Every structure is written in structure tokens, then in C-alpha cells.
PDB file of N, CA and C in Angstrom:
ATOM      1  N   MET A   1    -126.090  65.525  91.211  1.00  0.00           N
ATOM      2  CA  MET A   1    -125.503  64.880  92.416  1.00  0.00           C
ATOM      3  C   MET A   1    -124.979  63.542  92.178  1.00  0.00           C
ATOM      4  N   TYR A   2    -123.320  63.284  92.264  1.00  0.00           N
ATOM      5  CA  TYR A   2    -122.820  61.799  92.147  1.00  0.00           C
ATOM      6  C   TYR A   2    -123.521  60.647  93.238  1.00  0.00           C
ATOM      7  N   LYS A   3    -123.521  59.798  92.218  1.00  0.00           N
ATOM      8  CA  LYS A   3    -124.009  58.714  93.303  1.00  0.00           C
ATOM      9  C   LYS A   3    -123.104  57.891  94.305  1.00  0.00           C
ATOM     10  N   TYR A   4    -121.235  58.040  93.821  1.00  0.00           N
ATOM     11  CA  TYR A   4    -120.556  57.680  94.652  1.00  0.00           C
ATOM     12  C   TYR A   4    -119.821  58.970  94.808  1.00  0.00           C
ATOM     13  N   LYS A   5    -119.150  58.542  95.963  1.00  0.00           N
ATOM     14  CA  LYS A   5    -117.547  59.539  96.204  1.00  0.00           C
ATOM     15  C   LYS A   5    -116.527  58.410  95.968  1.00  0.00           C
ATOM     16  N   VAL A   6    -115.326  58.910  96.123  1.00  0.00           N
ATOM     17  CA  VAL A   6    -113.928  57.979  95.967  1.00  0.00           C
ATOM     18  C   VAL A   6    -113.590  58.542  97.246  1.00  0.00           C
ATOM     19  N   VAL A   7    -112.869  57.657  97.668  1.00  0.00           N
ATOM     20  CA  VAL A   7    -111.601  58.433  99.026  1.00  0.00           C
ATOM     21  C   VAL A   7    -110.401  57.204  98.855  1.00  0.00           C
ATOM     22  N   ALA A   8    -109.652  58.157  98.602  1.00  0.00           N
ATOM     23  CA  ALA A   8    -108.298  57.592  97.761  1.00  0.00           C
ATOM     24  C   ALA A   8    -107.102  57.879  99.422  1.00  0.00           C
ATOM     25  N   THR A   9    -106.467  56.111  99.737  1.00  0.00           N
ATOM     26  CA  THR A   9    -105.683  56.335 101.061  1.00  0.00           C
ATOM     27  C   THR A   9    -104.625  55.799 100.689  1.00  0.00           C
ATOM     28  N   ILE A  10    -103.748  56.577 101.346  1.00  0.00           N
ATOM     29  CA  ILE A  10    -102.293  56.413 100.932  1.00  0.00           C
ATOM     30  C   ILE A  10    -101.962  54.787 101.745  1.00  0.00           C
ATOM     31  N   VAL A  11    -101.519  53.937 101.244  1.00  0.00           N
ATOM     32  CA  VAL A  11    -101.303  52.538 101.860  1.00  0.00           C
ATOM     33  C   VAL A  11     -99.688  51.978 101.765  1.00  0.00           C
ATOM     34  N   GLU A  12     -99.021  52.956 100.801  1.00  0.00           N
ATOM     35  CA  GLU A  12     -97.627  52.293 100.827  1.00  0.00           C
ATOM     36  C   GLU A  12     -97.046  53.291  99.970  1.00  0.00           C
ATOM     37  N   ILE A  13     -95.966  53.626 100.509  1.00  0.00           N
ATOM     38  CA  ILE A  13     -94.596  54.412  99.660  1.00  0.00           C
ATOM     39  C   ILE A  13     -93.435  53.568  99.923  1.00  0.00           C
ATOM     40  N   ARG A  14     -92.991  53.452  98.679  1.00  0.00           N
ATOM     41  CA  ARG A  14     -92.023  52.706  97.914  1.00  0.00           C
ATOM     42  C   ARG A  14     -90.613  53.703  97.873  1.00  0.00           C
ATOM     43  N   GLY A  15     -89.834  52.568  97.983  1.00  0.00           N
ATOM     44  CA  GLY A  15     -88.218  53.033  97.519  1.00  0.00           C
ATOM     45  C   GLY A  15     -88.091  53.693  98.617  1.00  0.00           C
ATOM     46  N   GLU A  16     -87.596  54.679  99.011  1.00  0.00           N
ATOM     47  CA  GLU A  16     -87.045  55.205 100.497  1.00  0.00           C
ATOM     48  C   GLU A  16     -88.323  55.421 101.440  1.00  0.00           C
ATOM     49  N   GLY A  17     -89.081  55.493 101.086  1.00  0.00           N
ATOM     50  CA  GLY A  17     -90.504  54.969 101.928  1.00  0.00           C
ATOM     51  C   GLY A  17     -91.187  56.843 102.224  1.00  0.00           C
ATOM     52  N   LYS A  18     -90.240  57.696 101.600  1.00  0.00           N
ATOM     53  CA  LYS A  18     -91.051  59.196 102.087  1.00  0.00           C
ATOM     54  C   LYS A  18     -91.496  59.681 100.187  1.00  0.00           C
ATOM     55  N   CYS A  19     -92.439  60.525 100.797  1.00  0.00           N
ATOM     56  CA  CYS A  19     -92.782  60.899  99.597  1.00  0.00           C
ATOM     57  C   CYS A  19     -92.212  62.099  99.312  1.00  0.00           C
ATOM     58  N   SER A  20     -92.003  62.669  98.122  1.00  0.00           N
ATOM     59  CA  SER A  20     -91.308  64.281  98.318  1.00  0.00           C
ATOM     60  C   SER A  20     -92.054  65.319  98.004  1.00  0.00           C
ATOM     61  N   TYR A  21     -93.311  65.024  98.215  1.00  0.00           N
ATOM     62  CA  TYR A  21     -94.132  65.757  98.308  1.00  0.00           C
ATOM     63  C   TYR A  21     -94.747  66.494  99.636  1.00  0.00           C
ATOM     64  N   GLY A  22     -94.223  65.148 100.415  1.00  0.00           N
ATOM     65  CA  GLY A  22     -94.848  65.554 101.779  1.00  0.00           C
ATOM     66  C   GLY A  22     -95.836  64.620 102.424  1.00  0.00           C
ATOM     67  N   HIS A  23     -96.247  63.467 101.264  1.00  0.00           N
ATOM     68  CA  HIS A  23     -97.789  62.728 101.876  1.00  0.00           C
ATOM     69  C   HIS A  23     -97.093  61.636 102.484  1.00  0.00           C
ATOM     70  N   LYS A  24     -98.068  61.200 103.511  1.00  0.00           N
ATOM     71  CA  LYS A  24     -97.854  60.255 104.371  1.00  0.00           C
ATOM     72  C   LYS A  24     -98.682  58.916 104.065  1.00  0.00           C
ATOM     73  N   ILE A  25     -98.153  57.515 104.542  1.00  0.00           N
ATOM     74  CA  ILE A  25     -99.277  56.701 104.780  1.00  0.00           C
ATOM     75  C   ILE A  25    -100.463  57.148 105.423  1.00  0.00           C
ATOM     76  N   GLY A  26    -101.658  56.620 105.216  1.00  0.00           N
ATOM     77  CA  GLY A  26    -102.677  56.873 106.379  1.00  0.00           C
ATOM     78  C   GLY A  26    -103.232  58.330 105.753  1.00  0.00           C
ATOM     79  N   ASP A  27    -102.758  59.081 104.711  1.00  0.00           N
ATOM     80  CA  ASP A  27    -103.370  60.191 104.420  1.00  0.00           C
ATOM     81  C   ASP A  27    -104.549  60.113 103.589  1.00  0.00           C
ATOM     82  N   THR A  28    -105.664  60.191 103.835  1.00  0.00           N
ATOM     83  CA  THR A  28    -106.531  60.201 102.524  1.00  0.00           C
ATOM     84  C   THR A  28    -107.507  61.773 102.061  1.00  0.00           C
ATOM     85  N   PHE A  29    -107.922  61.611 100.536  1.00  0.00           N
ATOM     86  CA  PHE A  29    -108.418  62.421  99.986  1.00  0.00           C
ATOM     87  C   PHE A  29    -109.948  62.407  99.257  1.00  0.00           C
ATOM     88  N   GLU A  30    -110.738  63.005  99.020  1.00  0.00           N
ATOM     89  CA  GLU A  30    -112.071  62.437  99.239  1.00  0.00           C
ATOM     90  C   GLU A  30    -112.321  63.393  97.991  1.00  0.00           C
ATOM     91  N   PHE A  31    -112.887  62.508  96.666  1.00  0.00           N
ATOM     92  CA  PHE A  31    -113.062  62.962  95.654  1.00  0.00           C
ATOM     93  C   PHE A  31    -114.809  62.894  95.649  1.00  0.00           C
ATOM     94  N   THR A  32    -115.284  64.025  95.272  1.00  0.00           N
ATOM     95  CA  THR A  32    -116.500  64.126  95.186  1.00  0.00           C
ATOM     96  C   THR A  32    -116.517  64.876  93.997  1.00  0.00           C
ATOM     97  N   LYS A  33    -118.035  66.032  93.621  1.00  0.00           N
ATOM     98  CA  LYS A  33    -117.726  66.725  92.247  1.00  0.00           C
ATOM     99  C   LYS A  33    -116.162  67.766  92.354  1.00  0.00           C
ATOM    100  N   TYR A  34    -115.589  67.905  93.930  1.00  0.00           N
ATOM    101  CA  TYR A  34    -114.584  68.818  93.567  1.00  0.00           C
ATOM    102  C   TYR A  34    -113.584  68.128  93.806  1.00  0.00           C
ATOM    103  N   THR A  35    -111.995  68.838  93.295  1.00  0.00           N
ATOM    104  CA  THR A  35    -110.868  67.911  93.555  1.00  0.00           C
ATOM    105  C   THR A  35    -110.447  68.174  94.744  1.00  0.00           C
ATOM    106  N   PRO A  36    -109.887  67.790  95.528  1.00  0.00           N
ATOM    107  CA  PRO A  36    -109.587  67.783  96.880  1.00  0.00           C
ATOM    108  C   PRO A  36    -108.090  68.187  97.192  1.00  0.00           C
ATOM    109  N   GLY A  37    -108.341  69.435  98.174  1.00  0.00           N
ATOM    110  CA  GLY A  37    -107.058  70.494  98.267  1.00  0.00           C
ATOM    111  C   GLY A  37    -105.730  69.205  98.763  1.00  0.00           C
ATOM    112  N   GLY A  38    -104.682  69.295  98.731  1.00  0.00           N
ATOM    113  CA  GLY A  38    -103.763  69.522  99.298  1.00  0.00           C
ATOM    114  C   GLY A  38    -102.798  68.462  98.633  1.00  0.00           C
ATOM    115  N   LEU A  39    -103.635  67.607  97.713  1.00  0.00           N
ATOM    116  CA  LEU A  39    -103.505  66.431  96.542  1.00  0.00           C
ATOM    117  C   LEU A  39    -101.777  66.990  95.980  1.00  0.00           C
ATOM    118  N   CYS A  40    -100.835  66.411  95.504  1.00  0.00           N
ATOM    119  CA  CYS A  40     -99.870  66.553  94.797  1.00  0.00           C
ATOM    120  C   CYS A  40    -100.679  66.655  93.559  1.00  0.00           C
ATOM    121  N   GLN A  41    -100.247  67.253  92.750  1.00  0.00           N
ATOM    122  CA  GLN A  41    -100.454  67.637  91.563  1.00  0.00           C
ATOM    123  C   GLN A  41    -100.291  66.340  90.451  1.00  0.00           C
ATOM    124  N   PHE A  42     -99.193  65.751  90.530  1.00  0.00           N
ATOM    125  CA  PHE A  42     -98.612  65.011  89.581  1.00  0.00           C
ATOM    126  C   PHE A  42     -99.401  63.332  90.063  1.00  0.00           C
ATOM    127  N   ALA A  43     -99.974  63.368  91.637  1.00  0.00           N
ATOM    128  CA  ALA A  43    -100.311  61.579  92.037  1.00  0.00           C
ATOM    129  C   ALA A  43    -102.246  62.454  91.382  1.00  0.00           C
ATOM    130  N   TYR A  44    -102.866  63.659  91.392  1.00  0.00           N
ATOM    131  CA  TYR A  44    -103.844  63.799  91.294  1.00  0.00           C
ATOM    132  C   TYR A  44    -104.413  63.707  89.657  1.00  0.00           C
ATOM    133  N   ASP A  45    -103.318  63.928  89.090  1.00  0.00           N
ATOM    134  CA  ASP A  45    -102.626  63.905  87.734  1.00  0.00           C
ATOM    135  C   ASP A  45    -102.936  62.082  87.111  1.00  0.00           C
ATOM    136  N   SER A  46    -102.232  61.274  88.321  1.00  0.00           N
ATOM    137  CA  SER A  46    -102.440  59.865  87.868  1.00  0.00           C
ATOM    138  C   SER A  46    -103.683  59.475  88.005  1.00  0.00           C
ATOM    139  N   LEU A  47    -104.139  59.813  89.238  1.00  0.00           N
ATOM    140  CA  LEU A  47    -105.571  59.221  89.596  1.00  0.00           C
ATOM    141  C   LEU A  47    -106.779  59.426  88.760  1.00  0.00           C
ATOM    142  N   ARG A  48    -106.818  61.073  88.290  1.00  0.00           N
ATOM    143  CA  ARG A  48    -107.942  61.170  88.045  1.00  0.00           C
ATOM    144  C   ARG A  48    -109.425  60.210  87.081  1.00  0.00           C
ATOM    145  N   SER A  49    -108.399  59.545  86.194  1.00  0.00           N
ATOM    146  CA  SER A  49    -108.847  58.851  85.411  1.00  0.00           C
ATOM    147  C   SER A  49    -109.596  57.760  85.558  1.00  0.00           C
ATOM    148  N   ALA A  50    -108.834  57.108  86.927  1.00  0.00           N
ATOM    149  CA  ALA A  50    -109.334  56.126  87.578  1.00  0.00           C
ATOM    150  C   ALA A  50    -110.592  56.490  88.448  1.00  0.00           C
ATOM    151  N   VAL A  51    -110.193  58.093  89.372  1.00  0.00           N
ATOM    152  CA  VAL A  51    -111.196  58.158  89.979  1.00  0.00           C
ATOM    153  C   VAL A  51    -112.435  58.172  89.522  1.00  0.00           C
ATOM    154  N   ALA A  52    -111.915  59.357  88.232  1.00  0.00           N
ATOM    155  CA  ALA A  52    -113.563  59.366  87.203  1.00  0.00           C
ATOM    156  C   ALA A  52    -114.310  58.001  86.613  1.00  0.00           C
ATOM    157  N   ALA A  53    -113.273  56.745  86.543  1.00  0.00           N
ATOM    158  CA  ALA A  53    -114.388  55.639  86.366  1.00  0.00           C
ATOM    159  C   ALA A  53    -115.122  55.198  87.075  1.00  0.00           C
ATOM    160  N   LEU A  54    -114.423  54.857  88.364  1.00  0.00           N
ATOM    161  CA  LEU A  54    -115.383  55.096  89.415  1.00  0.00           C
ATOM    162  C   LEU A  54    -116.628  55.689  90.676  1.00  0.00           C
ATOM    163  N   LEU A  55    -116.203  56.851  90.114  1.00  0.00           N
ATOM    164  CA  LEU A  55    -117.006  57.410  90.396  1.00  0.00           C
ATOM    165  C   LEU A  55    -118.443  58.051  89.481  1.00  0.00           C
ATOM    166  N   TYR A  56    -118.435  56.856  88.327  1.00  0.00           N
ATOM    167  CA  TYR A  56    -119.543  56.941  87.138  1.00  0.00           C
ATOM    168  C   TYR A  56    -119.571  55.362  87.178  1.00  0.00           C
ATOM    169  N   GLY A  57    -119.440  54.609  88.229  1.00  0.00           N
ATOM    170  CA  GLY A  57    -119.878  53.521  88.124  1.00  0.00           C
ATOM    171  C   GLY A  57    -119.130  52.456  87.418  1.00  0.00           C
ATOM    172  N   GLY A  58    -117.681  52.594  86.884  1.00  0.00           N
ATOM    173  CA  GLY A  58    -116.972  51.886  86.194  1.00  0.00           C
ATOM    174  C   GLY A  58    -116.006  50.754  87.282  1.00  0.00           C
ATOM    175  N   TYR A  59    -115.728  50.131  86.250  1.00  0.00           N
ATOM    176  CA  TYR A  59    -114.751  48.853  87.241  1.00  0.00           C
ATOM    177  C   TYR A  59    -113.590  48.569  86.592  1.00  0.00           C
ATOM    178  N   PHE A  60    -112.569  47.763  87.345  1.00  0.00           N
ATOM    179  CA  PHE A  60    -111.401  47.471  86.216  1.00  0.00           C
ATOM    180  C   PHE A  60    -111.590  46.346  86.092  1.00  0.00           C
ATOM    181  N   PRO A  61    -111.367  45.533  85.067  1.00  0.00           N
ATOM    182  CA  PRO A  61    -111.866  43.870  85.159  1.00  0.00           C
ATOM    183  C   PRO A  61    -110.432  42.924  85.907  1.00  0.00           C
ATOM    184  N   TRP A  62    -109.129  43.569  86.260  1.00  0.00           N
ATOM    185  CA  TRP A  62    -108.331  42.955  87.140  1.00  0.00           C
ATOM    186  C   TRP A  62    -108.889  42.885  88.450  1.00  0.00           C
ATOM    187  N   ALA A  63    -109.623  43.822  88.917  1.00  0.00           N
ATOM    188  CA  ALA A  63    -109.994  44.250  90.428  1.00  0.00           C
ATOM    189  C   ALA A  63    -110.528  43.371  90.792  1.00  0.00           C
ATOM    190  N   GLU A  64    -110.448  42.549  91.919  1.00  0.00           N
ATOM    191  CA  GLU A  64    -111.598  41.213  92.295  1.00  0.00           C
ATOM    192  C   GLU A  64    -112.617  42.020  93.023  1.00  0.00           C
ATOM    193  N   ASP A  65    -112.496  42.973  93.403  1.00  0.00           N
ATOM    194  CA  ASP A  65    -113.934  44.018  93.872  1.00  0.00           C
ATOM    195  C   ASP A  65    -113.870  45.430  93.144  1.00  0.00           C
ATOM    196  N   SER A  66    -114.953  45.335  92.436  1.00  0.00           N
ATOM    197  CA  SER A  66    -115.863  46.424  91.997  1.00  0.00           C
ATOM    198  C   SER A  66    -115.498  47.686  92.393  1.00  0.00           C
ATOM    199  N   ASN A  67    -115.480  47.885  93.639  1.00  0.00           N
ATOM    200  CA  ASN A  67    -115.334  48.783  94.729  1.00  0.00           C
ATOM    201  C   ASN A  67    -113.960  49.331  95.008  1.00  0.00           C
ATOM    202  N   LEU A  68    -113.146  48.693  94.840  1.00  0.00           N
ATOM    203  CA  LEU A  68    -112.381  49.113  95.101  1.00  0.00           C
ATOM    204  C   LEU A  68    -110.559  48.540  94.499  1.00  0.00           C
ATOM    205  N   THR A  69    -109.642  49.515  94.208  1.00  0.00           N
ATOM    206  CA  THR A  69    -108.561  49.528  93.716  1.00  0.00           C
ATOM    207  C   THR A  69    -107.121  50.174  93.976  1.00  0.00           C
ATOM    208  N   THR A  70    -106.081  49.675  93.320  1.00  0.00           N
ATOM    209  CA  THR A  70    -105.193  50.722  93.797  1.00  0.00           C
ATOM    210  C   THR A  70    -104.393  51.239  92.980  1.00  0.00           C
ATOM    211  N   TRP A  71    -103.749  52.241  92.888  1.00  0.00           N
ATOM    212  CA  TRP A  71    -103.237  53.265  91.820  1.00  0.00           C
ATOM    213  C   TRP A  71    -101.980  53.630  92.861  1.00  0.00           C
ATOM    214  N   ALA A  72    -100.852  54.081  91.477  1.00  0.00           N
ATOM    215  CA  ALA A  72    -100.085  54.611  91.909  1.00  0.00           C
ATOM    216  C   ALA A  72     -99.595  55.725  91.250  1.00  0.00           C
ATOM    217  N   CYS A  73     -98.917  57.165  91.857  1.00  0.00           N
ATOM    218  CA  CYS A  73     -98.571  58.258  91.401  1.00  0.00           C
ATOM    219  C   CYS A  73     -97.087  57.940  90.416  1.00  0.00           C
ATOM    220  N   PRO A  74     -96.719  58.666  89.742  1.00  0.00           N
ATOM    221  CA  PRO A  74     -95.937  58.558  88.550  1.00  0.00           C
ATOM    222  C   PRO A  74     -94.241  58.298  88.791  1.00  0.00           C
ATOM    223  N   ASP A  75     -93.766  58.481  90.792  1.00  0.00           N
ATOM    224  CA  ASP A  75     -92.612  58.728  90.792  1.00  0.00           C
ATOM    225  C   ASP A  75     -91.881  57.725  90.377  1.00  0.00           C
ATOM    226  N   PRO A  76     -91.288  57.829  89.820  1.00  0.00           N
ATOM    227  CA  PRO A  76     -90.599  56.450  89.432  1.00  0.00           C
ATOM    228  C   PRO A  76     -89.424  55.990  90.968  1.00  0.00           C
ATOM    229  N   ASP A  77     -89.053  56.471  91.406  1.00  0.00           N
ATOM    230  CA  ASP A  77     -88.154  56.157  92.377  1.00  0.00           C
ATOM    231  C   ASP A  77     -89.050  56.223  93.750  1.00  0.00           C
ATOM    232  N   ARG A  78     -89.903  56.671  94.015  1.00  0.00           N
ATOM    233  CA  ARG A  78     -90.503  56.593  95.489  1.00  0.00           C
ATOM    234  C   ARG A  78     -91.920  56.629  95.084  1.00  0.00           C
ATOM    235  N   PRO A  79     -92.522  55.679  94.546  1.00  0.00           N
ATOM    236  CA  PRO A  79     -94.073  55.646  93.942  1.00  0.00           C
ATOM    237  C   PRO A  79     -94.983  55.467  95.364  1.00  0.00           C
ATOM    238  N   VAL A  80     -96.139  56.632  95.413  1.00  0.00           N
ATOM    239  CA  VAL A  80     -96.764  56.137  96.136  1.00  0.00           C
ATOM    240  C   VAL A  80     -98.328  55.609  95.815  1.00  0.00           C
ATOM    241  N   ILE A  81     -98.496  54.484  96.835  1.00  0.00           N
ATOM    242  CA  ILE A  81     -99.654  53.933  96.593  1.00  0.00           C
ATOM    243  C   ILE A  81    -100.806  54.108  96.915  1.00  0.00           C
ATOM    244  N   PHE A  82    -102.011  54.321  96.217  1.00  0.00           N
ATOM    245  CA  PHE A  82    -103.336  54.489  96.820  1.00  0.00           C
ATOM    246  C   PHE A  82    -104.548  53.638  96.374  1.00  0.00           C
ATOM    247  N   GLU A  83    -104.925  53.546  97.637  1.00  0.00           N
ATOM    248  CA  GLU A  83    -106.270  52.889  97.788  1.00  0.00           C
ATOM    249  C   GLU A  83    -107.435  53.403  97.702  1.00  0.00           C
ATOM    250  N   LEU A  84    -107.816  53.027  96.176  1.00  0.00           N
ATOM    251  CA  LEU A  84    -109.130  54.173  96.124  1.00  0.00           C
ATOM    252  C   LEU A  84    -111.115  53.257  96.000  1.00  0.00           C
ATOM    253  N   LYS A  85    -111.128  53.637  96.779  1.00  0.00           N
ATOM    254  CA  LYS A  85    -112.454  53.345  97.491  1.00  0.00           C
ATOM    255  C   LYS A  85    -113.992  53.506  96.968  1.00  0.00           C
ATOM    256  N   ARG A  86    -114.595  53.295  95.835  1.00  0.00           N
ATOM    257  CA  ARG A  86    -115.878  53.819  95.718  1.00  0.00           C
ATOM    258  C   ARG A  86    -117.033  53.358  97.131  1.00  0.00           C
ATOM    259  N   ILE A  87    -117.424  54.410  97.033  1.00  0.00           N
ATOM    260  CA  ILE A  87    -118.557  54.563  98.468  1.00  0.00           C
ATOM    261  C   ILE A  87    -119.936  54.819  97.914  1.00  0.00           C
ATOM    262  N   PRO A  88    -120.834  54.921  98.300  1.00  0.00           N
ATOM    263  CA  PRO A  88    -122.545  55.366  97.750  1.00  0.00           C
ATOM    264  C   PRO A  88    -122.859  56.494  98.435  1.00  0.00           C
ATOM    265  N   VAL A  89    -123.607  56.883  97.947  1.00  0.00           N
ATOM    266  CA  VAL A  89    -123.626  58.578  98.565  1.00  0.00           C
ATOM    267  C   VAL A  89    -124.919  58.497  98.401  1.00  0.00           C
ATOM    268  N   GLU A  90    -125.533  58.523 100.279  1.00  0.00           N
ATOM    269  CA  GLU A  90    -126.970  58.902 100.154  1.00  0.00           C
ATOM    270  C   GLU A  90    -127.463  60.763  99.686  1.00  0.00           C
ATOM    271  N   ASN A  91    -128.873  60.197  98.975  1.00  0.00           N
ATOM    272  CA  ASN A  91    -129.351  61.149  98.601  1.00  0.00           C
ATOM    273  C   ASN A  91    -130.139  61.875 100.061  1.00  0.00           C
ATOM    274  N   ASN A  92    -129.812  63.143 100.351  1.00  0.00           N
ATOM    275  CA  ASN A  92    -130.763  63.387 101.098  1.00  0.00           C
ATOM    276  C   ASN A  92    -132.282  64.321 100.955  1.00  0.00           C
TER     277      ASN A  92
END
């Protein structure tokens, strides 16, 4: 079982402010041992390495908070900005 989960929350959509897949600001996706449903495949491909790093306890040297970072989908005209937050999971 993972020691963490990662919650990806859409905090901004640049450009026209509309995601071509239909995502909206405030949408959340939880990463544990499964891929979250409903997430655009292009966004998932962009997020997965960062999410994996956070799930396994890694961090990004440029981030002020080792449990929080932002990441973007690859759409060059309307990038969707995700906040990735690592949260400890309690063992039951």
C-alpha cells in the first residue's frame, strides 16, 4: 500500500479559459494505485511522472513545499494547470 496519495486539482486554464476535453477549474483527480477515471489521456501522460515522484516520496527542488507543486497539460493554446498535492495515507 502506498504511504501517500496525490490529489490533482485544476487551478487554472490558460488561453481561452476552456479546456478542449471539458475539464473545469476545481475538477479533482485522486491518484493512489489506480489511474483516476475521467482524466484526459494527454493530461494523464503529462502528470504521471510528477505524480509517481510524489507517490514514492520524491520532491522537486524548485518547489517551496515538498508536498505541493503545479504541472500543466501539453495543450500549447489552452494549457490546463494542475496543483498536485501529496497527502499521507493512514494505514487501517
